[in-house]
């Protein structure tokens, strides 16, 4: 008997027909003799609809009350799915995140899991019940409901798989695995049979929407066997693991884009030690995460520093810097949210210095200008104008997979 954790996204449970399909997948696994724990997201666009309802009443609601509201979406989908499974004749119970033992910090709307105490889940499994758990939520030390941020149900599922020592964690989505690019954007994108935790984490962090980046980080830390597959087909999915078999020519695993970013440039900074510390410690104290950073060579005793943040943090970052203009001492701020980050990821690029040049060549041939560049051992990211992002993904993907003739 194996213990399987299955997670289904919002599109998989969007309506009654799809809920019945998910119930069939769950009961099929149960009838094979497995213990099954299920994590569900809210149905379809429920979360967006709830946010819209909140903003109709209050354009600036408190984060605590937003968590109280948004947690209801998962409760609806879990109760409905449990009802469908009951109709199929299988024993089942649905639990909220706090009933399932999720304890988080107090970071409303983007909480972090501190621990999971799965006593209730284990009791229900001992009774040979299917256990359905609301994803995306938990309880903080004040007894308040918290949510884990968009995509947090993936993290809920991996956390349960880790604490229950599950044999497998299956993430069901509306695509049948991890692709070399978004197949809705790049028609010739190819599905990967397997991908490393490091590559998947980079892709998730860089805009690929298949898995929540925190879930991949947790899966790697606790060695959770992870599989991404579709709830709409019976096709095999993509396995996420520590080590994968790879062809020698396979330099990259995927191309991703992220339009949810903004660039700020501080112009006319004093060219003296400590300026970067003043800027980024200020932002860090206010929970503004910074990604790509570019500092110019000093000239005429001044320099410029450009960096990117999430689009949702743009106004806060600008406000903080303006309020501390005298301390930081800069001439002015240039802000742009009409940009996008396009990235390539692959463990194979570590020993292949020509990979970055190949990417730049593809963009040059397409007439796409690069604004900023960031690199690591397994990724290269560039900032381009937002209007060029989709085309950039396509030409970069074509350049690599034409050149290496589908080595992956």
Protein backbone atom coordinates (compact mmCIF):
# COMPACT_ATOMS: atom_id res chain seq x y z
CA UNK A 1 0.00 0.00 0.00
CA UNK A 2 1.39 3.37 -1.04
CA UNK A 3 0.58 6.84 0.26
CA UNK A 4 -0.11 9.27 -2.58
CA UNK A 5 -0.69 13.01 -2.31
CA UNK A 6 -2.61 14.45 -5.26
CA UNK A 7 -3.10 18.15 -5.92
CA UNK A 8 -5.62 19.55 -8.42
CA UNK A 9 -5.58 23.13 -9.66
CA UNK A 10 -8.52 25.45 -10.13
CA UNK A 11 -9.08 24.61 -13.78
CA UNK A 12 -9.30 20.90 -12.91
CA UNK A 13 -12.31 21.53 -10.62
CA UNK A 14 -13.85 24.49 -12.47
CA UNK A 15 -17.34 22.95 -12.88
CA UNK A 16 -19.43 19.94 -11.89
CA UNK A 17 -18.23 17.78 -14.79
CA UNK A 18 -14.60 18.45 -13.95
CA UNK A 19 -15.16 17.81 -10.24
CA UNK A 20 -16.61 14.41 -11.15
CA UNK A 21 -13.55 13.72 -13.31
CA UNK A 22 -11.22 14.61 -10.45
CA UNK A 23 -13.27 12.41 -8.12
CA UNK A 24 -12.80 9.53 -10.59
CA UNK A 25 -9.01 10.02 -10.65
CA UNK A 26 -8.91 10.08 -6.85
CA UNK A 27 -11.12 7.00 -6.38
CA UNK A 28 -9.18 5.07 -9.05
CA UNK A 29 -6.00 5.57 -7.01
CA UNK A 30 -7.84 4.63 -3.80
CA UNK A 31 -9.35 1.46 -5.28
CA UNK A 32 -5.85 0.26 -6.18
CA UNK A 33 -5.20 -0.02 -2.46
CA UNK A 34 -3.42 3.29 -1.92
CA UNK A 35 -3.91 5.76 0.89
CA UNK A 36 -4.85 9.03 -0.81
CA UNK A 37 -4.56 12.60 0.46
CA UNK A 38 -5.85 15.29 -1.89
CA UNK A 39 -5.22 19.04 -1.98
CA UNK A 40 -7.58 21.23 -3.99
CA UNK A 41 -7.47 24.82 -5.23
CA UNK A 42 -10.53 27.04 -5.52
CA UNK A 43 -12.73 26.44 -8.56
CA UNK A 44 -11.78 28.24 -11.79
CA UNK A 45 -11.70 32.02 -11.30
CA UNK A 46 -13.21 31.94 -7.81
CA UNK A 47 -10.24 33.64 -6.16
CA UNK A 48 -10.26 36.49 -8.70
CA UNK A 49 -14.03 36.85 -8.27
CA UNK A 50 -13.64 37.10 -4.49
CA UNK A 51 -10.94 39.75 -4.86
CA UNK A 52 -13.25 41.73 -7.14
CA UNK A 53 -16.08 41.51 -4.61
CA UNK A 54 -13.77 42.80 -1.87
CA UNK A 55 -12.60 45.76 -3.95
CA UNK A 56 -16.19 46.72 -4.70
CA UNK A 57 -16.65 47.39 -0.99
CA UNK A 58 -13.20 48.57 0.02
CA UNK A 59 -10.40 49.54 -2.40
CA UNK A 60 -7.82 48.92 0.33
CA UNK A 61 -9.02 46.00 2.50
CA UNK A 62 -6.85 44.68 5.31
CA UNK A 63 -4.77 41.62 4.51
CA UNK A 64 -6.26 39.74 7.44
CA UNK A 65 -9.80 40.13 6.12
CA UNK A 66 -8.66 39.22 2.59
CA UNK A 67 -7.31 35.94 3.93
CA UNK A 68 -10.59 35.33 5.75
CA UNK A 69 -12.41 35.84 2.45
CA UNK A 70 -10.08 34.04 0.04
CA UNK A 71 -9.86 30.89 2.16
CA UNK A 72 -13.51 30.17 1.42
CA UNK A 73 -12.82 29.30 -2.23
CA UNK A 74 -10.88 26.14 -1.38
CA UNK A 75 -13.49 25.08 1.17
CA UNK A 76 -16.15 25.12 -1.53
CA UNK A 77 -14.17 22.98 -3.97
CA UNK A 78 -13.16 20.47 -1.26
CA UNK A 79 -16.70 20.01 0.04
CA UNK A 80 -18.07 19.57 -3.49
CA UNK A 81 -15.41 17.04 -4.42
CA UNK A 82 -16.06 15.09 -1.21
CA UNK A 83 -19.74 14.98 -2.10
CA UNK A 84 -18.90 13.62 -5.56
CA UNK A 85 -16.69 10.91 -4.02
CA UNK A 86 -19.45 10.02 -1.53
CA UNK A 87 -21.77 9.51 -4.49
CA UNK A 88 -19.22 7.05 -5.92
CA UNK A 89 -19.40 5.01 -2.74
CA UNK A 90 -15.96 5.69 -1.27
CA UNK A 91 -15.32 6.89 2.31
CA UNK A 92 -14.05 10.47 2.32
CA UNK A 93 -13.65 13.49 4.59
CA UNK A 94 -12.77 17.09 3.72
CA UNK A 95 -10.63 19.20 6.07
CA UNK A 96 -9.68 22.86 6.20
CA UNK A 97 -6.01 23.79 6.32
CA UNK A 98 -6.14 24.34 10.07
CA UNK A 99 -7.99 21.06 10.69
CA UNK A 100 -5.22 19.40 8.70
CA UNK A 101 -2.61 20.93 11.01
CA UNK A 102 -1.09 23.73 8.92
CA UNK A 103 0.56 26.34 11.15
CA UNK A 104 2.00 29.45 9.48
CA UNK A 105 3.65 32.71 10.36
CA UNK A 106 1.57 35.89 10.42
CA UNK A 107 2.38 37.13 6.93
CA UNK A 108 -1.20 37.61 5.77
CA UNK A 109 -1.84 36.91 2.04
CA UNK A 110 1.67 35.44 1.64
CA UNK A 111 2.25 33.35 4.77
CA UNK A 112 4.99 30.77 5.21
CA UNK A 113 4.40 27.31 6.63
CA UNK A 114 6.10 26.89 10.00
CA UNK A 115 5.03 23.30 10.64
CA UNK A 116 2.37 20.75 9.78
CA UNK A 117 0.88 18.52 12.50
CA UNK A 118 -1.03 15.89 10.52
CA UNK A 119 -2.61 14.06 13.48
CA UNK A 120 -6.17 14.41 12.14
CA UNK A 121 -5.11 13.29 8.66
CA UNK A 122 -3.43 10.17 10.06
CA UNK A 123 -6.53 9.35 12.10
CA UNK A 124 -8.69 9.55 8.98
CA UNK A 125 -6.24 7.46 6.92
CA UNK A 126 -6.32 4.79 9.62
CA UNK A 127 -10.08 4.61 8.97
CA UNK A 128 -9.28 4.06 5.26
CA UNK A 129 -10.84 7.35 4.28
CA UNK A 130 -9.79 9.55 1.39
CA UNK A 131 -8.70 12.86 2.93
CA UNK A 132 -9.31 16.09 1.00
CA UNK A 133 -7.51 19.17 2.31
CA UNK A 134 -8.01 22.81 1.37
CA UNK A 135 -4.83 24.11 -0.21
CA UNK A 136 -3.30 27.55 0.14
CA UNK A 137 -4.17 28.16 3.80
CA UNK A 138 -3.32 27.65 7.45
CA UNK A 139 -3.59 29.19 10.90
CA UNK A 140 -1.17 31.61 12.60
CA UNK A 141 -0.26 31.99 16.29
CA UNK A 142 -3.14 34.42 16.80
CA UNK A 143 -5.66 31.84 15.61
CA UNK A 144 -6.25 33.79 12.37
CA UNK A 145 -6.67 32.23 8.95
CA UNK A 146 -3.73 32.90 6.62
CA UNK A 147 -3.14 32.16 2.96
CA UNK A 148 0.13 31.17 1.27
CA UNK A 149 -0.04 33.42 -1.79
CA UNK A 150 -1.14 32.63 -5.34
CA UNK A 151 -0.08 29.13 -6.30
CA UNK A 152 0.21 28.17 -2.64
CA UNK A 153 -1.82 24.97 -3.01
CA UNK A 154 1.23 23.38 -4.68
CA UNK A 155 3.20 24.20 -1.54
CA UNK A 156 0.44 22.77 0.67
CA UNK A 157 0.57 19.50 -1.26
CA UNK A 158 4.36 19.17 -1.11
CA UNK A 159 4.36 20.03 2.61
CA UNK A 160 1.86 17.22 3.26
CA UNK A 161 3.87 14.82 1.11
CA UNK A 162 6.99 15.69 3.11
CA UNK A 163 5.47 15.36 6.59
CA UNK A 164 3.52 12.19 5.70
CA UNK A 165 6.56 10.65 3.95
CA UNK A 166 4.39 10.07 0.89
CA UNK A 167 5.58 7.71 -1.83
CA UNK A 168 4.55 10.18 -4.53
CA UNK A 169 3.19 13.72 -4.89
CA UNK A 170 1.21 14.28 -8.09
CA UNK A 171 0.45 17.83 -9.23
CA UNK A 172 -2.46 17.78 -11.68
CA UNK A 173 -2.81 20.83 -13.94
CA UNK A 174 -4.35 21.76 -17.30
CA UNK A 175 -1.14 20.81 -19.15
CA UNK A 176 0.31 17.30 -19.23
CA UNK A 177 3.74 18.13 -17.87
CA UNK A 178 6.59 20.63 -17.95
CA UNK A 179 7.38 21.99 -21.41
CA UNK A 180 10.42 23.68 -22.91
CA UNK A 181 8.21 26.80 -23.12
CA UNK A 182 4.58 27.67 -22.53
CA UNK A 183 2.80 25.49 -25.15
CA UNK A 184 0.02 28.07 -25.37
CA UNK A 185 2.59 30.60 -26.55
CA UNK A 186 5.09 28.39 -28.39
CA UNK A 187 3.28 25.74 -30.49
CA UNK A 188 6.45 23.71 -31.02
CA UNK A 189 7.29 23.50 -27.31
CA UNK A 190 8.24 20.01 -26.19
CA UNK A 191 7.26 18.12 -23.07
CA UNK A 192 10.10 17.02 -20.83
CA UNK A 193 10.06 13.51 -19.39
CA UNK A 194 12.06 14.70 -16.40
CA UNK A 195 13.70 17.83 -15.04
CA UNK A 196 15.94 18.56 -12.04
CA UNK A 197 14.71 20.36 -8.94
CA UNK A 198 17.19 23.18 -9.65
CA UNK A 199 15.98 23.70 -13.20
CA UNK A 200 12.33 23.53 -12.21
CA UNK A 201 12.91 25.98 -9.36
CA UNK A 202 14.55 28.46 -11.71
CA UNK A 203 11.77 28.11 -14.29
CA UNK A 204 9.08 28.54 -11.62
CA UNK A 205 10.85 31.59 -10.19
CA UNK A 206 11.29 33.12 -13.64
CA UNK A 207 7.63 33.07 -14.65
CA UNK A 208 6.80 29.51 -15.72
CA UNK A 209 3.37 28.92 -14.19
CA UNK A 210 3.41 25.11 -13.95
CA UNK A 211 4.55 24.90 -10.31
CA UNK A 212 4.78 27.32 -7.40
CA UNK A 213 8.48 28.03 -6.81
CA UNK A 214 8.18 27.51 -3.04
CA UNK A 215 6.75 24.03 -3.63
CA UNK A 216 9.76 23.04 -5.74
CA UNK A 217 12.16 24.38 -3.13
CA UNK A 218 10.38 22.34 -0.46
CA UNK A 219 10.31 19.21 -2.64
CA UNK A 220 14.07 19.44 -3.10
CA UNK A 221 14.71 20.02 0.59
CA UNK A 222 12.66 17.01 1.70
CA UNK A 223 13.34 14.78 -1.32
CA UNK A 224 9.68 14.57 -2.31
CA UNK A 225 9.00 12.53 -5.45
CA UNK A 226 7.15 14.99 -7.65
CA UNK A 227 5.22 14.46 -10.89
CA UNK A 228 3.39 17.05 -13.00
CA UNK A 229 0.56 15.71 -15.15
CA UNK A 230 -2.82 16.63 -16.63
CA UNK A 231 -6.21 15.94 -15.09
CA UNK A 232 -7.72 15.96 -18.59
CA UNK A 233 -5.68 13.21 -20.25
CA UNK A 234 -4.09 9.92 -19.24
CA UNK A 235 -0.73 10.89 -20.76
CA UNK A 236 2.40 10.40 -18.64
CA UNK A 237 3.66 13.59 -17.02
CA UNK A 238 7.03 15.11 -16.12
CA UNK A 239 9.04 13.83 -13.17
CA UNK A 240 10.89 16.41 -11.05
CA UNK A 241 13.92 14.84 -9.37
CA UNK A 242 17.47 15.39 -8.17
CA UNK A 243 19.33 13.83 -11.10
CA UNK A 244 18.07 13.27 -14.64
CA UNK A 245 19.44 11.52 -17.70
CA UNK A 246 20.40 14.04 -20.32
CA UNK A 247 21.96 14.10 -23.73
CA UNK A 248 25.39 15.79 -23.98
CA UNK A 249 24.06 18.49 -26.33
CA UNK A 250 21.12 19.35 -24.09
CA UNK A 251 22.22 22.81 -22.92
CA UNK A 252 18.84 24.24 -21.86
CA UNK A 253 15.66 22.79 -20.40
CA UNK A 254 13.28 25.64 -21.01
CA UNK A 255 12.48 29.25 -21.84
CA UNK A 256 10.30 31.33 -19.51
CA UNK A 257 8.93 34.85 -19.38
CA UNK A 258 7.70 37.10 -16.59
CA UNK A 259 5.71 40.26 -17.30
CA UNK A 260 4.97 40.92 -13.65
CA UNK A 261 8.05 43.07 -13.08
CA UNK A 262 9.05 46.72 -13.02
CA UNK A 263 12.41 48.45 -13.33
CA UNK A 264 13.59 51.34 -11.18
CA UNK A 265 16.72 53.33 -12.00
CA UNK A 266 18.32 55.67 -9.48
CA UNK A 267 20.19 58.27 -11.51
CA UNK A 268 22.98 60.53 -10.25
CA UNK A 269 24.00 58.65 -7.10
CA UNK A 270 27.17 59.65 -5.29
CA UNK A 271 30.01 57.32 -6.27
CA UNK A 272 30.94 56.47 -2.67
CA UNK A 273 31.02 53.26 -0.60
CA UNK A 274 27.80 52.19 1.12
CA UNK A 275 25.27 53.57 -1.36
CA UNK A 276 24.08 50.14 -2.52
CA UNK A 277 23.72 49.04 1.11
CA UNK A 278 21.53 52.07 1.92
CA UNK A 279 19.24 51.35 -1.04
CA UNK A 280 18.76 47.63 -0.71
CA UNK A 281 18.68 47.45 3.09
CA UNK A 282 15.86 50.02 3.00
CA UNK A 283 13.90 47.89 0.55
CA UNK A 284 14.63 44.66 2.45
CA UNK A 285 13.36 46.13 5.73
CA UNK A 286 10.08 46.83 3.99
CA UNK A 287 9.82 43.34 2.41
CA UNK A 288 10.47 44.51 -1.14
CA UNK A 289 12.29 41.74 -2.98
CA UNK A 290 14.82 42.82 -5.60
CA UNK A 291 15.82 40.70 -8.58
CA UNK A 292 18.19 41.92 -11.31
CA UNK A 293 20.62 44.67 -10.27
CA UNK A 294 22.86 46.67 -12.62
CA UNK A 295 25.32 49.34 -11.47
CA UNK A 296 27.03 51.64 -13.94
CA UNK A 297 30.71 52.54 -13.88
CA UNK A 298 31.24 55.74 -11.89
CA UNK A 299 31.69 58.94 -13.89
CA UNK A 300 32.03 62.54 -12.74
CA UNK A 301 31.74 61.27 -9.16
CA UNK A 302 28.25 59.83 -9.81
CA UNK A 303 26.82 56.47 -10.83
CA UNK A 304 23.44 54.91 -11.63
CA UNK A 305 21.86 51.78 -10.15
CA UNK A 306 19.00 49.97 -11.87
CA UNK A 307 17.06 47.05 -10.43
CA UNK A 308 13.82 45.13 -10.86
CA UNK A 309 11.01 44.36 -8.44
CA UNK A 310 7.62 42.70 -8.73
CA UNK A 311 5.13 45.04 -10.39
CA UNK A 312 3.01 44.95 -7.24
CA UNK A 313 5.96 46.39 -5.25
CA UNK A 314 6.78 49.16 -7.72
CA UNK A 315 4.83 51.99 -6.06
CA UNK A 316 6.02 51.04 -2.56
CA UNK A 317 9.67 50.90 -3.68
CA UNK A 318 9.40 54.28 -5.41
CA UNK A 319 7.72 55.84 -2.37
CA UNK A 320 10.38 54.50 0.02
CA UNK A 321 13.21 55.79 -2.13
CA UNK A 322 11.62 59.22 -2.59
CA UNK A 323 11.06 59.52 1.17
CA UNK A 324 14.76 58.76 1.74
CA UNK A 325 16.13 60.90 -1.09
CA UNK A 326 18.26 63.01 1.29
CA UNK A 327 19.82 59.95 2.94
CA UNK A 328 20.53 58.11 -0.31
CA UNK A 329 21.37 61.26 -2.31
CA UNK A 330 20.30 60.75 -5.91
CA UNK A 331 19.17 63.07 -8.68
CA UNK A 332 15.97 61.34 -9.81
CA UNK A 333 14.21 57.98 -10.30
CA UNK A 334 13.20 56.50 -13.65
CA UNK A 335 10.42 53.90 -13.34
CA UNK A 336 9.07 51.56 -16.02
CA UNK A 337 6.59 48.69 -15.86
CA UNK A 338 6.52 48.16 -19.65
CA UNK A 339 9.21 45.51 -19.45
CA UNK A 340 9.41 41.73 -19.27
CA UNK A 341 12.03 39.20 -18.23
CA UNK A 342 12.84 36.39 -20.66
CA UNK A 343 15.04 33.59 -19.36
CA UNK A 344 16.67 30.36 -20.43
CA UNK A 345 17.36 27.63 -17.86
CA UNK A 346 19.49 24.52 -18.06
CA UNK A 347 22.11 22.66 -16.06
CA UNK A 348 23.86 21.99 -19.36
CA UNK A 349 24.96 25.60 -19.76
CA UNK A 350 27.47 25.46 -16.89
CA UNK A 351 30.26 24.16 -19.12
CA UNK A 352 29.05 25.78 -22.34
CA UNK A 353 29.94 29.50 -22.43
CA UNK A 354 28.41 29.92 -25.90
CA UNK A 355 24.85 29.43 -24.63
CA UNK A 356 24.36 33.08 -23.60
CA UNK A 357 25.77 34.26 -26.93
CA UNK A 358 23.31 32.00 -28.77
CA UNK A 359 20.43 33.61 -26.90
CA UNK A 360 21.70 37.12 -27.62
CA UNK A 361 22.15 36.26 -31.30
CA UNK A 362 18.54 35.07 -31.55
CA UNK A 363 17.28 38.32 -30.05
CA UNK A 364 19.56 40.41 -32.29
CA UNK A 365 18.37 38.64 -35.43
CA UNK A 366 14.77 39.38 -34.38
CA UNK A 367 15.54 43.05 -33.76
CA UNK A 368 14.77 42.79 -30.04
CA UNK A 369 16.73 45.14 -27.79
CA UNK A 370 18.16 43.90 -24.46
CA UNK A 371 17.86 46.35 -21.56
CA UNK A 372 19.52 44.38 -18.74
CA UNK A 373 21.19 40.98 -18.32
CA UNK A 374 21.49 38.64 -15.34
CA UNK A 375 23.23 35.26 -15.26
CA UNK A 376 23.86 32.33 -12.94
CA UNK A 377 25.30 28.86 -13.42
CA UNK A 378 22.05 27.50 -14.86
CA UNK A 379 20.17 30.54 -16.17
CA UNK A 380 20.45 33.65 -18.32
CA UNK A 381 17.78 36.34 -17.96
CA UNK A 382 17.32 39.45 -20.07
CA UNK A 383 14.97 42.40 -19.78
CA UNK A 384 13.17 43.38 -22.97
CA UNK A 385 10.27 45.68 -23.77
CA UNK A 386 6.99 44.07 -22.75
CA UNK A 387 5.65 44.22 -26.31
CA UNK A 388 8.58 42.04 -27.46
CA UNK A 389 8.29 39.36 -24.74
CA UNK A 390 6.19 36.75 -26.55
CA UNK A 391 8.24 37.04 -29.73
CA UNK A 392 11.45 36.82 -27.71
CA UNK A 393 10.37 33.53 -26.13
CA UNK A 394 9.52 32.12 -29.55
CA UNK A 395 12.75 33.12 -31.32
CA UNK A 396 14.97 31.99 -28.44
CA UNK A 397 13.16 28.66 -28.20
CA UNK A 398 13.42 28.15 -31.97
CA UNK A 399 17.12 29.03 -31.98
CA UNK A 400 18.05 26.43 -29.37
CA UNK A 401 15.80 23.59 -30.42
CA UNK A 402 16.52 24.06 -34.12
CA UNK A 403 20.26 24.14 -33.50
CA UNK A 404 20.38 21.09 -31.26
CA UNK A 405 17.74 19.25 -33.29
CA UNK A 406 15.66 18.30 -30.29
CA UNK A 407 18.50 16.88 -28.24
CA UNK A 408 16.26 16.69 -25.20
